[in-house]
Amino acid sequence: MPLYKTCSDQELSSFLAQEDGDAFAEIYNRYWALLFRHARRMTKDDDLAKDIVQDVFVSLWDKATEIQFNFSLSSYLYSTVRNRILNMYDKEKVRSNYLSSLTEFISHGENVTDHLLRERQLSARIEHEISLLPRKMRKIFEMSRKENMSYKVIAADLELSDNTVKKQISNAIKILRLKLGTLISLLSAILYLINF
């Protein structure tokens, strides 16, 4: 059994990929306080910073066998914390914008024009999230959903297997569902109130 305290980040990453709980514990002990300070500096909220760092470590363990550390472990952890915080702020901004426009709608009785505007905004947000997908995944997803091509046709066109195409589309849908989940919930609430 290796002495984990003396292991480099690269060695710990290799052990982590083998689901080594002791390696994970060393990574946690080595980086938790640093990541907490980083998150607290960005959020100005101790509890929120703790939650974000905890989520990052849970995700690290859950995806231990899948993660490719193209950069250093510390870079991966810091950028993951930063991205979680930025995504949280984006979601809060969207939620705030929709709640304020919903309040305005209820108080001023806006008509169908507002509904069409929301639909355009939702479409724009969906298109934006699609544009952020990895290039290959985005191309396959757009061929399937926008051009109504079958998996077999896409696979033949791109010289890929049917399973690769199916997996890429499935992953794209999971990513979009994760990123747009809050937005879709808010839209459902708005549509419910409009029809109520």
Protein backbone atom coordinates (compact mmCIF):
# COMPACT_ATOMS: atom_id res chain seq x y z
CA MET A 1 0.00 0.00 0.00
CA PRO A 2 1.53 3.33 -1.05
CA LEU A 3 2.13 6.18 1.37
CA TYR A 4 -0.47 8.52 -0.03
CA LYS A 5 0.82 11.66 1.69
CA THR A 6 4.05 11.39 -0.31
CA CYS A 7 2.30 10.66 -3.63
CA SER A 8 2.22 13.26 -6.37
CA ASP A 9 -1.12 14.49 -7.69
CA GLN A 10 -0.52 12.47 -10.84
CA GLU A 11 -0.03 9.29 -8.81
CA LEU A 12 -3.12 10.04 -6.73
CA SER A 13 -5.10 10.58 -9.95
CA SER A 14 -4.01 7.15 -11.19
CA PHE A 15 -5.01 5.51 -7.91
CA LEU A 16 -8.32 7.39 -7.95
CA ALA A 17 -9.08 6.06 -11.44
CA GLN A 18 -8.88 2.60 -9.85
CA GLU A 19 -11.46 3.70 -7.25
CA ASP A 20 -8.89 3.73 -4.47
CA GLY A 21 -10.69 5.18 -1.44
CA ASP A 22 -7.46 6.01 0.38
CA ALA A 23 -6.21 8.02 -2.60
CA PHE A 24 -9.53 9.88 -2.66
CA ALA A 25 -9.21 10.60 1.08
CA GLU A 26 -5.72 12.05 0.52
CA ILE A 27 -6.97 14.24 -2.34
CA TYR A 28 -9.82 15.40 -0.11
CA ASN A 29 -7.47 16.19 2.79
CA ARG A 30 -4.97 17.88 0.49
CA TYR A 31 -7.44 20.12 -1.36
CA TRP A 32 -10.60 20.63 0.71
CA ALA A 33 -9.42 23.73 2.61
CA LEU A 34 -7.84 25.29 -0.49
CA LEU A 35 -10.97 24.74 -2.58
CA PHE A 36 -13.18 26.02 0.23
CA ARG A 37 -11.20 29.28 0.41
CA HIS A 38 -11.38 29.58 -3.39
CA ALA A 39 -15.17 29.01 -3.37
CA ARG A 40 -15.74 31.34 -0.41
CA ARG A 41 -13.75 34.08 -2.14
CA MET A 42 -16.03 33.75 -5.18
CA THR A 43 -19.35 33.35 -3.35
CA LYS A 44 -18.79 35.35 -0.14
CA ASP A 45 -20.89 32.66 1.59
CA ASP A 46 -19.37 29.97 3.85
CA ASP A 47 -22.29 27.54 3.66
CA LEU A 48 -22.62 27.83 -0.10
CA ALA A 49 -18.85 27.42 -0.52
CA LYS A 50 -18.92 24.26 1.63
CA ASP A 51 -21.82 22.83 -0.40
CA ILE A 52 -20.08 23.51 -3.70
CA VAL A 53 -16.78 21.97 -2.59
CA GLN A 54 -18.63 18.96 -1.18
CA ASP A 55 -20.49 18.53 -4.49
CA VAL A 56 -17.21 18.70 -6.39
CA PHE A 57 -15.71 15.93 -4.26
CA VAL A 58 -18.85 13.78 -4.55
CA SER A 59 -18.71 14.23 -8.32
CA LEU A 60 -14.98 13.45 -8.34
CA TRP A 61 -15.62 10.13 -6.59
CA ASP A 62 -18.69 9.29 -8.68
CA LYS A 63 -16.77 9.88 -11.91
CA ALA A 64 -13.39 8.60 -10.71
CA THR A 65 -13.07 6.00 -13.44
CA GLU A 66 -14.27 8.34 -16.21
CA ILE A 67 -12.30 11.52 -15.59
CA GLN A 68 -9.40 12.25 -17.92
CA PHE A 69 -6.97 14.58 -16.19
CA ASN A 70 -5.64 16.48 -19.20
CA PHE A 71 -4.14 19.02 -16.82
CA SER A 72 -3.05 18.73 -13.23
CA LEU A 73 -5.40 17.47 -10.54
CA SER A 74 -5.34 20.85 -8.82
CA SER A 75 -6.25 22.64 -12.07
CA TYR A 76 -9.12 20.22 -12.58
CA LEU A 77 -10.45 20.75 -9.05
CA TYR A 78 -10.12 24.54 -9.10
CA SER A 79 -11.75 24.86 -12.52
CA THR A 80 -14.56 22.50 -11.48
CA VAL A 81 -15.29 24.65 -8.41
CA ARG A 82 -15.17 27.81 -10.52
CA ASN A 83 -17.47 26.34 -13.18
CA ARG A 84 -19.99 25.15 -10.58
CA ILE A 85 -20.13 28.65 -9.11
CA LEU A 86 -20.48 30.31 -12.52
CA ASN A 87 -23.22 27.86 -13.52
CA MET A 88 -24.99 28.55 -10.23
CA TYR A 89 -24.87 32.29 -10.88
CA ASP A 90 -26.16 31.78 -14.44
CA LYS A 91 -29.07 29.69 -13.16
CA GLU A 92 -29.85 32.24 -10.46
CA LYS A 93 -29.81 35.05 -13.03
CA VAL A 94 -32.19 33.14 -15.32
CA ARG A 95 -34.45 32.25 -12.39
CA SER A 96 -34.47 35.84 -11.18
CA ASN A 97 -35.24 37.19 -14.66
CA TYR A 98 -38.11 34.76 -15.14
CA LEU A 99 -39.55 35.32 -11.68
CA SER A 100 -39.47 39.10 -12.14
CA SER A 101 -41.11 38.84 -15.56
CA LEU A 102 -43.68 36.41 -14.12
CA THR A 103 -44.50 38.93 -11.40
CA GLU A 104 -44.83 41.62 -14.04
CA PHE A 105 -47.05 39.35 -16.11
CA ILE A 106 -49.35 38.63 -13.18
CA SER A 107 -49.59 42.26 -12.12
CA HIS A 108 -50.01 43.75 -15.60
CA GLY A 109 -51.89 40.95 -17.34
CA GLU A 110 -49.55 40.76 -20.31
CA ASN A 111 -50.92 38.95 -23.34
CA VAL A 112 -49.77 36.44 -25.91
CA THR A 113 -46.87 38.66 -27.03
CA ASP A 114 -45.14 37.96 -23.73
CA HIS A 115 -45.65 34.23 -24.22
CA LEU A 116 -44.07 34.42 -27.69
CA LEU A 117 -41.16 36.41 -26.31
CA ARG A 118 -40.55 33.77 -23.64
CA GLU A 119 -40.70 31.07 -26.28
CA ARG A 120 -38.06 32.91 -28.33
CA GLN A 121 -35.90 33.39 -25.23
CA LEU A 122 -36.20 29.70 -24.38
CA SER A 123 -35.31 28.73 -27.96
CA ALA A 124 -32.31 31.06 -27.87
CA ARG A 125 -31.16 29.56 -24.55
CA ILE A 126 -31.56 26.02 -25.89
CA GLU A 127 -29.59 26.93 -29.03
CA HIS A 128 -26.90 28.50 -26.86
CA GLU A 129 -26.59 25.37 -24.72
CA ILE A 130 -26.46 23.21 -27.86
CA SER A 131 -23.65 25.41 -29.19
CA LEU A 132 -21.65 24.66 -26.01
CA LEU A 133 -21.72 20.90 -26.59
CA PRO A 134 -18.46 19.31 -27.78
CA ARG A 135 -18.12 19.73 -31.56
CA LYS A 136 -18.63 16.07 -32.52
CA MET A 137 -21.54 15.62 -30.10
CA ARG A 138 -23.18 18.85 -31.32
CA LYS A 139 -22.91 17.81 -34.98
CA ILE A 140 -24.45 14.40 -34.31
CA PHE A 141 -27.19 15.91 -32.12
CA GLU A 142 -28.10 18.54 -34.75
CA MET A 143 -28.16 15.96 -37.53
CA SER A 144 -30.57 13.88 -35.46
CA ARG A 145 -32.82 16.60 -34.07
CA LYS A 146 -32.69 19.39 -36.65
CA GLU A 147 -32.23 17.41 -39.84
CA ASN A 148 -34.32 14.42 -38.65
CA MET A 149 -31.65 11.94 -39.73
CA SER A 150 -31.74 8.39 -38.35
CA TYR A 151 -28.88 6.94 -36.32
CA LYS A 152 -27.96 4.68 -39.24
CA VAL A 153 -27.79 7.56 -41.72
CA ILE A 154 -25.73 9.69 -39.33
CA ALA A 155 -23.40 6.77 -38.62
CA ALA A 156 -22.90 6.11 -42.34
CA ASP A 157 -22.42 9.81 -43.12
CA LEU A 158 -19.81 10.31 -40.37
CA GLU A 159 -18.28 6.82 -40.64
CA LEU A 160 -19.16 5.93 -37.05
CA SER A 161 -20.92 2.98 -35.45
CA ASP A 162 -24.65 3.16 -34.68
CA ASN A 163 -23.82 2.74 -30.97
CA THR A 164 -21.44 5.72 -31.04
CA VAL A 165 -24.15 7.90 -32.58
CA LYS A 166 -26.73 6.67 -30.07
CA LYS A 167 -24.35 7.28 -27.13
CA GLN A 168 -23.44 10.79 -28.36
CA ILE A 169 -27.12 11.76 -28.69
CA SER A 170 -27.92 10.26 -25.29
CA ASN A 171 -25.04 12.19 -23.68
CA ALA A 172 -26.12 15.42 -25.40
CA ILE A 173 -29.66 15.02 -24.07
CA LYS A 174 -28.35 14.37 -20.54
CA ILE A 175 -26.15 17.48 -20.68
CA LEU A 176 -28.97 19.66 -22.02
CA ARG A 177 -31.46 18.29 -19.49
CA LEU A 178 -29.00 19.06 -16.68
CA LYS A 179 -28.27 22.59 -17.91
CA LEU A 180 -31.84 23.48 -18.85
CA GLY A 181 -33.68 21.67 -16.05
CA THR A 182 -34.33 24.77 -13.93
CA LEU A 183 -35.35 26.79 -16.97
CA ILE A 184 -37.81 24.13 -18.10
CA SER A 185 -39.33 23.92 -14.60
CA LEU A 186 -39.82 27.68 -14.55
CA LEU A 187 -41.37 27.63 -18.02
CA SER A 188 -43.78 24.89 -16.91
CA ALA A 189 -44.82 27.00 -13.90
CA ILE A 190 -45.37 30.03 -16.13
CA LEU A 191 -47.45 28.05 -18.62
CA TYR A 192 -49.48 26.59 -15.77
CA LEU A 193 -50.24 30.06 -14.41
CA ILE A 194 -51.12 31.38 -17.88
CA ASN A 195 -53.59 28.54 -18.46
CA PHE A 196 -54.95 28.59 -14.90
